[in-house]
Amino acid sequence: MILYVMRHAEAVEGSDTLQDDWRYLTDKGRLAAKKVSSLIVKYGSRPKLTITSPLTRAVQTAEIATEKAGIKKMVVASELLLPGAGIDALVTHLKNCKDDKRVMLVGHEPQLGSLVAMLLGHGDEQISLKKGACVALELDPDKAEPARFLRYLVPGKKKISSLKKAFPQNSMV
């Protein structure tokens, strides 16, 4: 399975009149999501299934990503990708999606960084995905072996194909 793990793009700040759940993408965030989504298609296969956090900024990012990828399926919102949700239930859910072959997750930090680190076999480490960025991994949900890092796509940057260059602040390599 190819797994795309995408952090939502830049959103407006919350306030007394705008609760966190309803924060929406800024114009800069929309543009970043479009750019990274175009790169996903350019460098890899189109996701067949997109699962997103139900928060507005993540749903908007997922919709942009699926539109750019030309995916006809609708985006599926899941509480498994809410901020603070556990990783184990998400991994179990991914195993049930293996027939889709290419799955995209759209959500929040620190959950996504922890998920990527765990799938790469570095569960004790913490990585951080930039807003609007996407990590592509190849994994076999039926095997216990770590996923293989494919690429890291960051808004405004070139494709990063080296895990060490993607996350230099970590000793993951």
N, C-alpha and C. Protein backbone atom coordinates (compact mmCIF):
# COMPACT_ATOMS: atom_id res chain seq x y z
N MET A 1 0.84 -1.18 0.00
CA MET A 1 0.00 0.00 0.00
C MET A 1 0.89 1.24 0.00
N ILE A 2 0.49 2.22 -0.78
CA ILE A 2 1.14 3.54 -0.71
C ILE A 2 0.27 4.39 0.21
N LEU A 3 0.90 4.96 1.20
CA LEU A 3 0.20 5.79 2.17
C LEU A 3 0.72 7.21 2.07
N TYR A 4 -0.18 8.14 1.82
CA TYR A 4 0.15 9.56 1.81
C TYR A 4 -0.35 10.14 3.13
N VAL A 5 0.54 10.77 3.88
CA VAL A 5 0.20 11.37 5.16
C VAL A 5 0.38 12.88 5.01
N MET A 6 -0.73 13.61 4.98
CA MET A 6 -0.69 15.04 4.69
C MET A 6 -1.23 15.84 5.88
N ARG A 7 -0.44 16.81 6.30
CA ARG A 7 -0.89 17.72 7.35
C ARG A 7 -1.74 18.81 6.69
N HIS A 8 -2.79 19.22 7.38
CA HIS A 8 -3.61 20.30 6.82
C HIS A 8 -2.75 21.53 6.55
N ALA A 9 -3.18 22.31 5.58
CA ALA A 9 -2.45 23.53 5.21
C ALA A 9 -2.75 24.65 6.22
N GLU A 10 -2.08 25.78 6.03
CA GLU A 10 -2.21 26.92 6.95
C GLU A 10 -3.67 27.36 7.07
N ALA A 11 -4.09 27.55 8.32
CA ALA A 11 -5.46 27.98 8.61
C ALA A 11 -5.44 29.28 9.41
N VAL A 12 -6.58 29.95 9.42
CA VAL A 12 -6.72 31.16 10.22
C VAL A 12 -6.60 30.78 11.70
N GLU A 13 -6.21 31.72 12.51
CA GLU A 13 -6.09 31.48 13.94
C GLU A 13 -7.47 31.45 14.58
N GLY A 14 -7.58 30.68 15.63
CA GLY A 14 -8.83 30.66 16.38
C GLY A 14 -8.99 31.95 17.18
N SER A 15 -10.19 32.21 17.61
CA SER A 15 -10.46 33.41 18.40
C SER A 15 -11.68 33.15 19.28
N ASP A 16 -12.10 34.19 19.99
CA ASP A 16 -13.30 34.06 20.82
C ASP A 16 -14.53 33.80 19.98
N THR A 17 -14.52 34.27 18.75
CA THR A 17 -15.68 34.10 17.87
C THR A 17 -15.51 32.96 16.87
N LEU A 18 -14.33 32.38 16.80
CA LEU A 18 -14.08 31.27 15.87
C LEU A 18 -13.41 30.13 16.63
N GLN A 19 -14.19 29.13 16.96
CA GLN A 19 -13.62 28.00 17.71
C GLN A 19 -12.70 27.17 16.83
N ASP A 20 -11.83 26.41 17.47
CA ASP A 20 -10.79 25.65 16.79
C ASP A 20 -11.35 24.73 15.69
N ASP A 21 -12.45 24.05 15.98
CA ASP A 21 -13.01 23.11 15.01
C ASP A 21 -13.37 23.76 13.68
N TRP A 22 -13.66 25.04 13.69
CA TRP A 22 -14.15 25.74 12.49
C TRP A 22 -13.09 26.58 11.79
N ARG A 23 -11.85 26.51 12.26
CA ARG A 23 -10.79 27.26 11.59
C ARG A 23 -10.68 26.78 10.15
N TYR A 24 -10.57 27.72 9.22
CA TYR A 24 -10.56 27.40 7.79
C TYR A 24 -9.24 27.83 7.17
N LEU A 25 -8.97 27.31 5.97
CA LEU A 25 -7.70 27.60 5.30
C LEU A 25 -7.59 29.06 4.89
N THR A 26 -6.40 29.60 5.02
CA THR A 26 -6.11 30.93 4.48
C THR A 26 -5.90 30.79 2.98
N ASP A 27 -5.82 31.91 2.28
CA ASP A 27 -5.51 31.87 0.84
C ASP A 27 -4.15 31.22 0.61
N LYS A 28 -3.19 31.54 1.47
CA LYS A 28 -1.86 30.94 1.38
C LYS A 28 -1.95 29.42 1.60
N GLY A 29 -2.77 29.00 2.54
CA GLY A 29 -2.96 27.58 2.81
C GLY A 29 -3.58 26.86 1.63
N ARG A 30 -4.57 27.47 1.01
CA ARG A 30 -5.22 26.86 -0.17
C ARG A 30 -4.21 26.69 -1.30
N LEU A 31 -3.41 27.71 -1.52
CA LEU A 31 -2.40 27.64 -2.58
C LEU A 31 -1.37 26.55 -2.28
N ALA A 32 -0.93 26.46 -1.03
CA ALA A 32 0.04 25.43 -0.64
C ALA A 32 -0.55 24.04 -0.84
N ALA A 33 -1.80 23.85 -0.46
CA ALA A 33 -2.46 22.54 -0.62
C ALA A 33 -2.55 22.18 -2.10
N LYS A 34 -2.83 23.15 -2.94
CA LYS A 34 -2.91 22.88 -4.39
C LYS A 34 -1.54 22.49 -4.95
N LYS A 35 -0.50 23.20 -4.52
CA LYS A 35 0.85 22.90 -5.02
C LYS A 35 1.31 21.51 -4.61
N VAL A 36 1.16 21.19 -3.34
CA VAL A 36 1.61 19.88 -2.87
C VAL A 36 0.76 18.77 -3.49
N SER A 37 -0.53 19.00 -3.64
CA SER A 37 -1.40 18.00 -4.26
C SER A 37 -1.01 17.74 -5.71
N SER A 38 -0.60 18.77 -6.41
CA SER A 38 -0.12 18.59 -7.79
C SER A 38 1.16 17.76 -7.81
N LEU A 39 2.02 17.97 -6.81
CA LEU A 39 3.26 17.20 -6.72
C LEU A 39 3.00 15.73 -6.39
N ILE A 40 1.98 15.48 -5.58
CA ILE A 40 1.62 14.10 -5.26
C ILE A 40 1.32 13.34 -6.54
N VAL A 41 0.54 13.95 -7.41
CA VAL A 41 0.18 13.33 -8.68
C VAL A 41 1.40 13.23 -9.60
N LYS A 42 2.23 14.26 -9.60
CA LYS A 42 3.39 14.29 -10.48
C LYS A 42 4.39 13.17 -10.13
N TYR A 43 4.62 12.94 -8.85
CA TYR A 43 5.66 12.01 -8.42
C TYR A 43 5.14 10.63 -8.01
N GLY A 44 3.84 10.45 -7.98
CA GLY A 44 3.33 9.16 -7.53
C GLY A 44 1.97 8.85 -8.11
N SER A 45 1.42 7.78 -7.65
CA SER A 45 0.09 7.35 -8.07
C SER A 45 -0.97 8.09 -7.28
N ARG A 46 -2.10 8.27 -7.90
CA ARG A 46 -3.20 8.99 -7.24
C ARG A 46 -3.79 8.15 -6.12
N PRO A 47 -4.05 8.77 -4.99
CA PRO A 47 -4.71 8.03 -3.91
C PRO A 47 -6.10 7.58 -4.36
N LYS A 48 -6.52 6.41 -3.91
CA LYS A 48 -7.85 5.91 -4.23
C LYS A 48 -8.85 6.23 -3.13
N LEU A 49 -8.33 6.41 -1.93
CA LEU A 49 -9.19 6.68 -0.78
C LEU A 49 -8.55 7.80 0.03
N THR A 50 -9.34 8.78 0.42
CA THR A 50 -8.86 9.87 1.26
C THR A 50 -9.67 9.89 2.55
N ILE A 51 -8.95 9.79 3.66
CA ILE A 51 -9.57 9.83 4.99
C ILE A 51 -9.05 11.07 5.68
N THR A 52 -9.94 11.88 6.22
CA THR A 52 -9.54 13.15 6.83
C THR A 52 -10.12 13.33 8.22
N SER A 53 -9.47 14.16 8.98
CA SER A 53 -10.02 14.65 10.23
C SER A 53 -11.30 15.43 9.87
N PRO A 54 -12.31 15.38 10.72
CA PRO A 54 -13.53 16.13 10.42
C PRO A 54 -13.44 17.64 10.66
N LEU A 55 -12.29 18.14 11.14
CA LEU A 55 -12.16 19.58 11.36
C LEU A 55 -12.06 20.30 10.03
N THR A 56 -12.64 21.48 9.95
CA THR A 56 -12.79 22.23 8.70
C THR A 56 -11.49 22.35 7.91
N ARG A 57 -10.40 22.75 8.57
CA ARG A 57 -9.15 22.97 7.84
C ARG A 57 -8.62 21.69 7.21
N ALA A 58 -8.82 20.56 7.85
CA ALA A 58 -8.37 19.29 7.30
C ALA A 58 -9.28 18.85 6.15
N VAL A 59 -10.58 19.00 6.32
CA VAL A 59 -11.52 18.65 5.25
C VAL A 59 -11.24 19.48 4.00
N GLN A 60 -11.01 20.78 4.17
CA GLN A 60 -10.70 21.64 3.02
C GLN A 60 -9.42 21.19 2.34
N THR A 61 -8.39 20.85 3.11
CA THR A 61 -7.13 20.38 2.54
C THR A 61 -7.37 19.08 1.77
N ALA A 62 -8.12 18.16 2.35
CA ALA A 62 -8.42 16.88 1.70
C ALA A 62 -9.21 17.08 0.41
N GLU A 63 -10.16 17.99 0.42
CA GLU A 63 -10.95 18.25 -0.79
C GLU A 63 -10.08 18.81 -1.90
N ILE A 64 -9.18 19.71 -1.57
CA ILE A 64 -8.26 20.26 -2.57
C ILE A 64 -7.37 19.14 -3.11
N ALA A 65 -6.86 18.31 -2.22
CA ALA A 65 -5.97 17.22 -2.63
C ALA A 65 -6.68 16.25 -3.58
N THR A 66 -7.90 15.88 -3.25
CA THR A 66 -8.61 14.93 -4.10
C THR A 66 -9.01 15.56 -5.43
N GLU A 67 -9.36 16.82 -5.39
CA GLU A 67 -9.71 17.51 -6.64
C GLU A 67 -8.50 17.57 -7.57
N LYS A 68 -7.34 17.94 -7.04
CA LYS A 68 -6.11 18.02 -7.84
C LYS A 68 -5.70 16.65 -8.38
N ALA A 69 -5.98 15.62 -7.60
CA ALA A 69 -5.61 14.27 -8.01
C ALA A 69 -6.62 13.66 -8.97
N GLY A 70 -7.74 14.34 -9.16
CA GLY A 70 -8.76 13.83 -10.06
C GLY A 70 -9.48 12.62 -9.50
N ILE A 71 -9.58 12.55 -8.20
CA ILE A 71 -10.24 11.41 -7.56
C ILE A 71 -11.74 11.63 -7.59
N LYS A 72 -12.45 10.62 -8.01
CA LYS A 72 -13.90 10.71 -8.11
C LYS A 72 -14.60 10.37 -6.80
N LYS A 73 -13.92 9.61 -5.92
CA LYS A 73 -14.53 9.25 -4.65
C LYS A 73 -14.63 10.47 -3.75
N MET A 74 -15.62 10.44 -2.87
CA MET A 74 -15.71 11.53 -1.90
C MET A 74 -14.73 11.32 -0.76
N VAL A 75 -14.48 12.37 -0.06
CA VAL A 75 -13.58 12.35 1.09
C VAL A 75 -14.35 11.78 2.28
N VAL A 76 -13.69 10.90 3.04
CA VAL A 76 -14.31 10.28 4.21
C VAL A 76 -13.71 10.92 5.47
N ALA A 77 -14.57 11.47 6.31
CA ALA A 77 -14.11 12.06 7.57
C ALA A 77 -14.12 11.00 8.66
N SER A 78 -13.10 11.01 9.50
CA SER A 78 -13.00 10.02 10.57
C SER A 78 -12.49 10.66 11.85
N GLU A 79 -13.12 10.31 12.96
CA GLU A 79 -12.68 10.78 14.26
C GLU A 79 -11.31 10.23 14.63
N LEU A 80 -10.86 9.20 13.92
CA LEU A 80 -9.54 8.63 14.19
C LEU A 80 -8.43 9.64 13.89
N LEU A 81 -8.76 10.69 13.12
CA LEU A 81 -7.77 11.71 12.77
C LEU A 81 -7.99 13.04 13.50
N LEU A 82 -8.83 13.04 14.51
CA LEU A 82 -9.00 14.24 15.32
C LEU A 82 -7.72 14.50 16.12
N PRO A 83 -7.42 15.77 16.43
CA PRO A 83 -6.26 16.05 17.28
C PRO A 83 -6.37 15.29 18.60
N GLY A 84 -5.30 14.66 18.97
CA GLY A 84 -5.27 13.91 20.22
C GLY A 84 -5.74 12.47 20.13
N ALA A 85 -6.24 12.06 18.97
CA ALA A 85 -6.69 10.67 18.81
C ALA A 85 -5.48 9.73 18.83
N GLY A 86 -5.70 8.51 19.26
CA GLY A 86 -4.62 7.53 19.34
C GLY A 86 -4.20 6.99 17.98
N ILE A 87 -3.00 6.50 17.92
CA ILE A 87 -2.44 5.99 16.67
C ILE A 87 -2.81 4.53 16.43
N ASP A 88 -2.92 3.74 17.49
CA ASP A 88 -3.16 2.31 17.34
C ASP A 88 -4.46 2.03 16.57
N ALA A 89 -5.54 2.71 16.92
CA ALA A 89 -6.82 2.51 16.23
C ALA A 89 -6.72 2.94 14.77
N LEU A 90 -5.95 3.98 14.50
CA LEU A 90 -5.75 4.45 13.13
C LEU A 90 -5.00 3.41 12.31
N VAL A 91 -3.96 2.82 12.88
CA VAL A 91 -3.20 1.78 12.18
C VAL A 91 -4.08 0.57 11.91
N THR A 92 -4.90 0.19 12.87
CA THR A 92 -5.83 -0.92 12.68
C THR A 92 -6.79 -0.62 11.53
N HIS A 93 -7.28 0.61 11.48
CA HIS A 93 -8.18 1.02 10.39
C HIS A 93 -7.47 0.96 9.04
N LEU A 94 -6.22 1.38 9.01
CA LEU A 94 -5.45 1.33 7.76
C LEU A 94 -5.32 -0.10 7.24
N LYS A 95 -5.17 -1.05 8.13
CA LYS A 95 -5.07 -2.45 7.72
C LYS A 95 -6.34 -2.90 6.99
N ASN A 96 -7.47 -2.32 7.38
CA ASN A 96 -8.74 -2.65 6.73
C ASN A 96 -8.90 -1.95 5.38
N CYS A 97 -8.03 -1.00 5.08
CA CYS A 97 -8.09 -0.25 3.82
C CYS A 97 -7.09 -0.76 2.79
N LYS A 98 -6.42 -1.86 3.08
CA LYS A 98 -5.33 -2.31 2.21
C LYS A 98 -5.77 -2.58 0.78
N ASP A 99 -7.03 -2.94 0.56
CA ASP A 99 -7.50 -3.21 -0.79
C ASP A 99 -7.56 -1.95 -1.66
N ASP A 100 -7.55 -0.79 -1.02
CA ASP A 100 -7.56 0.47 -1.77
C ASP A 100 -6.19 0.77 -2.37
N LYS A 101 -5.16 0.12 -1.91
CA LYS A 101 -3.78 0.19 -2.42
C LYS A 101 -3.09 1.54 -2.27
N ARG A 102 -3.82 2.64 -2.40
CA ARG A 102 -3.25 3.98 -2.24
C ARG A 102 -4.22 4.80 -1.39
N VAL A 103 -3.78 5.13 -0.19
CA VAL A 103 -4.63 5.81 0.78
C VAL A 103 -3.97 7.12 1.21
N MET A 104 -4.78 8.16 1.34
CA MET A 104 -4.29 9.45 1.84
C MET A 104 -4.97 9.74 3.17
N LEU A 105 -4.17 10.14 4.16
CA LEU A 105 -4.67 10.61 5.44
C LEU A 105 -4.41 12.10 5.53
N VAL A 106 -5.38 12.86 5.97
CA VAL A 106 -5.19 14.30 6.16
C VAL A 106 -5.58 14.62 7.59
N GLY A 107 -4.65 15.23 8.33
CA GLY A 107 -4.93 15.50 9.73
C GLY A 107 -4.02 16.53 10.33
N HIS A 108 -3.62 16.27 11.57
CA HIS A 108 -2.97 17.28 12.42
C HIS A 108 -1.69 16.74 13.07
N GLU A 109 -0.88 17.68 13.49
CA GLU A 109 0.28 17.38 14.32
C GLU A 109 -0.17 17.46 15.77
N PRO A 110 0.40 16.72 16.67
CA PRO A 110 1.56 15.86 16.50
C PRO A 110 1.21 14.43 16.08
N GLN A 111 -0.09 14.13 15.94
CA GLN A 111 -0.50 12.76 15.62
C GLN A 111 0.14 12.23 14.34
N LEU A 112 0.14 13.03 13.27
CA LEU A 112 0.67 12.52 12.00
C LEU A 112 2.17 12.26 12.06
N GLY A 113 2.91 13.14 12.70
CA GLY A 113 4.35 12.93 12.85
C GLY A 113 4.65 11.68 13.64
N SER A 114 3.87 11.45 14.69
CA SER A 114 4.03 10.23 15.50
C SER A 114 3.69 9.00 14.69
N LEU A 115 2.65 9.08 13.87
CA LEU A 115 2.27 7.96 13.02
C LEU A 115 3.38 7.62 12.03
N VAL A 116 3.91 8.63 11.35
CA VAL A 116 4.98 8.41 10.38
C VAL A 116 6.20 7.78 11.07
N ALA A 117 6.59 8.33 12.22
CA ALA A 117 7.74 7.79 12.95
C ALA A 117 7.50 6.32 13.31
N MET A 118 6.30 6.01 13.80
CA MET A 118 5.99 4.64 14.19
C MET A 118 6.02 3.71 12.98
N LEU A 119 5.41 4.12 11.86
CA LEU A 119 5.37 3.27 10.67
C LEU A 119 6.77 3.03 10.10
N LEU A 120 7.66 3.99 10.29
CA LEU A 120 9.04 3.83 9.82
C LEU A 120 9.89 3.02 10.80
N GLY A 121 9.29 2.60 11.90
CA GLY A 121 10.01 1.80 12.87
C GLY A 121 10.77 2.62 13.90
N HIS A 122 10.39 3.89 14.05
CA HIS A 122 11.05 4.80 15.00
C HIS A 122 10.01 5.40 15.94
N GLY A 123 9.18 4.54 16.52
CA GLY A 123 8.07 4.99 17.35
C GLY A 123 8.47 5.81 18.56
N ASP A 124 9.71 5.70 18.99
CA ASP A 124 10.15 6.46 20.16
C ASP A 124 10.62 7.86 19.78
N GLU A 125 10.65 8.16 18.50
CA GLU A 125 11.09 9.47 18.03
C GLU A 125 9.89 10.33 17.65
N GLN A 126 10.07 11.61 17.62
CA GLN A 126 9.01 12.53 17.21
C GLN A 126 9.48 13.31 15.99
N ILE A 127 8.69 13.29 14.96
CA ILE A 127 8.97 14.15 13.82
C ILE A 127 7.81 15.12 13.68
N SER A 128 8.01 16.16 12.93
CA SER A 128 6.99 17.17 12.75
C SER A 128 6.83 17.47 11.27
N LEU A 129 5.62 17.34 10.78
CA LEU A 129 5.33 17.66 9.38
C LEU A 129 4.98 19.14 9.28
N LYS A 130 5.47 19.78 8.26
CA LYS A 130 5.14 21.19 8.04
C LYS A 130 3.70 21.31 7.56
N LYS A 131 3.09 22.46 7.78
CA LYS A 131 1.71 22.67 7.34
C LYS A 131 1.63 22.50 5.82
N GLY A 132 0.65 21.71 5.38
CA GLY A 132 0.44 21.48 3.96
C GLY A 132 1.38 20.46 3.35
N ALA A 133 2.29 19.89 4.13
CA ALA A 133 3.27 18.92 3.62
C ALA A 133 2.68 17.52 3.59
N CYS A 134 3.30 16.66 2.77
CA CYS A 134 2.84 15.29 2.63
C CYS A 134 4.03 14.33 2.59
N VAL A 135 3.94 13.25 3.36
CA VAL A 135 4.93 12.17 3.35
C VAL A 135 4.31 10.99 2.63
N ALA A 136 5.06 10.40 1.70
CA ALA A 136 4.61 9.19 1.01
C ALA A 136 5.42 8.02 1.54
N LEU A 137 4.72 6.97 1.94
CA LEU A 137 5.33 5.76 2.47
C LEU A 137 4.79 4.55 1.72
N GLU A 138 5.61 3.52 1.66
CA GLU A 138 5.14 2.25 1.12
C GLU A 138 5.14 1.26 2.28
N LEU A 139 3.99 0.63 2.51
CA LEU A 139 3.93 -0.31 3.61
C LEU A 139 3.02 -1.48 3.28
N ASP A 140 3.28 -2.57 3.95
CA ASP A 140 2.44 -3.75 3.85
C ASP A 140 1.75 -3.87 5.19
N PRO A 141 0.44 -3.56 5.26
CA PRO A 141 -0.26 -3.59 6.54
C PRO A 141 -0.31 -4.97 7.19
N ASP A 142 -0.06 -6.02 6.41
CA ASP A 142 -0.10 -7.37 6.95
C ASP A 142 1.22 -7.81 7.56
N LYS A 143 2.26 -7.03 7.37
CA LYS A 143 3.58 -7.41 7.89
C LYS A 143 4.02 -6.45 8.98
N ALA A 144 4.82 -6.93 9.86
CA ALA A 144 5.29 -6.12 11.00
C ALA A 144 6.51 -5.28 10.64
N GLU A 145 7.03 -5.42 9.43
CA GLU A 145 8.24 -4.67 9.07
C GLU A 145 7.91 -3.19 8.85
N PRO A 146 8.90 -2.33 9.06
CA PRO A 146 8.67 -0.88 8.91
C PRO A 146 8.32 -0.50 7.47
N ALA A 147 7.65 0.62 7.35
CA ALA A 147 7.33 1.17 6.04
C ALA A 147 8.60 1.67 5.37
N ARG A 148 8.53 1.86 4.07
CA ARG A 148 9.66 2.41 3.32
C ARG A 148 9.33 3.86 2.98
N PHE A 149 10.23 4.76 3.32
CA PHE A 149 10.08 6.18 3.00
C PHE A 149 10.23 6.39 1.50
N LEU A 150 9.28 7.07 0.87
CA LEU A 150 9.35 7.35 -0.56
C LEU A 150 9.72 8.80 -0.84
N ARG A 151 8.98 9.72 -0.23
CA ARG A 151 9.26 11.13 -0.48
C ARG A 151 8.53 12.02 0.52
N TYR A 152 9.03 13.25 0.62
CA TYR A 152 8.42 14.27 1.47
C TYR A 152 8.22 15.49 0.59
N LEU A 153 7.00 15.94 0.50
CA LEU A 153 6.65 17.09 -0.33
C LEU A 153 6.22 18.24 0.58
N VAL A 154 6.93 19.36 0.44
CA VAL A 154 6.69 20.52 1.27
C VAL A 154 6.35 21.70 0.36
N PRO A 155 5.33 22.50 0.72
CA PRO A 155 4.98 23.65 -0.12
C PRO A 155 6.20 24.54 -0.39
N GLY A 156 6.41 24.86 -1.65
CA GLY A 156 7.49 25.77 -2.03
C GLY A 156 8.87 25.16 -2.09
N LYS A 157 8.98 23.84 -1.93
CA LYS A 157 10.30 23.19 -1.95
C LYS A 157 10.28 22.07 -2.98
N LYS A 158 11.49 21.62 -3.33
CA LYS A 158 11.61 20.48 -4.24
C LYS A 158 11.30 19.19 -3.50
N LYS A 159 10.99 18.16 -4.25
CA LYS A 159 10.73 16.83 -3.68
C LYS A 159 11.96 16.38 -2.88
N ILE A 160 11.73 15.85 -1.70
CA ILE A 160 12.81 15.32 -0.87
C ILE A 160 12.66 13.80 -0.84
N SER A 161 13.68 13.11 -1.37
CA SER A 161 13.61 11.65 -1.47
C SER A 161 14.45 10.94 -0.42
N SER A 162 15.09 11.68 0.44
CA SER A 162 15.95 11.10 1.48
C SER A 162 15.31 11.37 2.85
N LEU A 163 15.13 10.31 3.62
CA LEU A 163 14.57 10.46 4.96
C LEU A 163 15.44 11.38 5.81
N LYS A 164 16.75 11.23 5.68
CA LYS A 164 17.68 12.06 6.46
C LYS A 164 17.53 13.54 6.11
N LYS A 165 17.33 13.84 4.82
CA LYS A 165 17.15 15.24 4.42
C LYS A 165 15.75 15.75 4.76
N ALA A 166 14.78 14.86 4.74
CA ALA A 166 13.41 15.26 5.04
C ALA A 166 13.27 15.70 6.49
N PHE A 167 13.91 14.96 7.40
CA PHE A 167 13.78 15.24 8.82
C PHE A 167 15.16 15.26 9.47
N PRO A 168 15.97 16.26 9.13
CA PRO A 168 17.35 16.30 9.63
C PRO A 168 17.48 16.49 11.13
N GLN A 169 16.46 17.01 11.77
CA GLN A 169 16.53 17.24 13.21
C GLN A 169 16.38 15.95 14.00
N ASN A 170 16.06 14.86 13.31
CA ASN A 170 15.87 13.58 14.00
C ASN A 170 17.03 12.65 13.66
N SER A 171 17.24 11.70 14.52
CA SER A 171 18.28 10.70 14.27
C SER A 171 17.66 9.42 13.75
N MET A 172 16.66 9.54 12.89
CA MET A 172 15.90 8.40 12.41
C MET A 172 16.69 7.51 11.44
N VAL A 173 17.72 8.02 10.86
CA VAL A 173 18.44 7.25 9.84
C VAL A 173 19.63 6.55 10.44
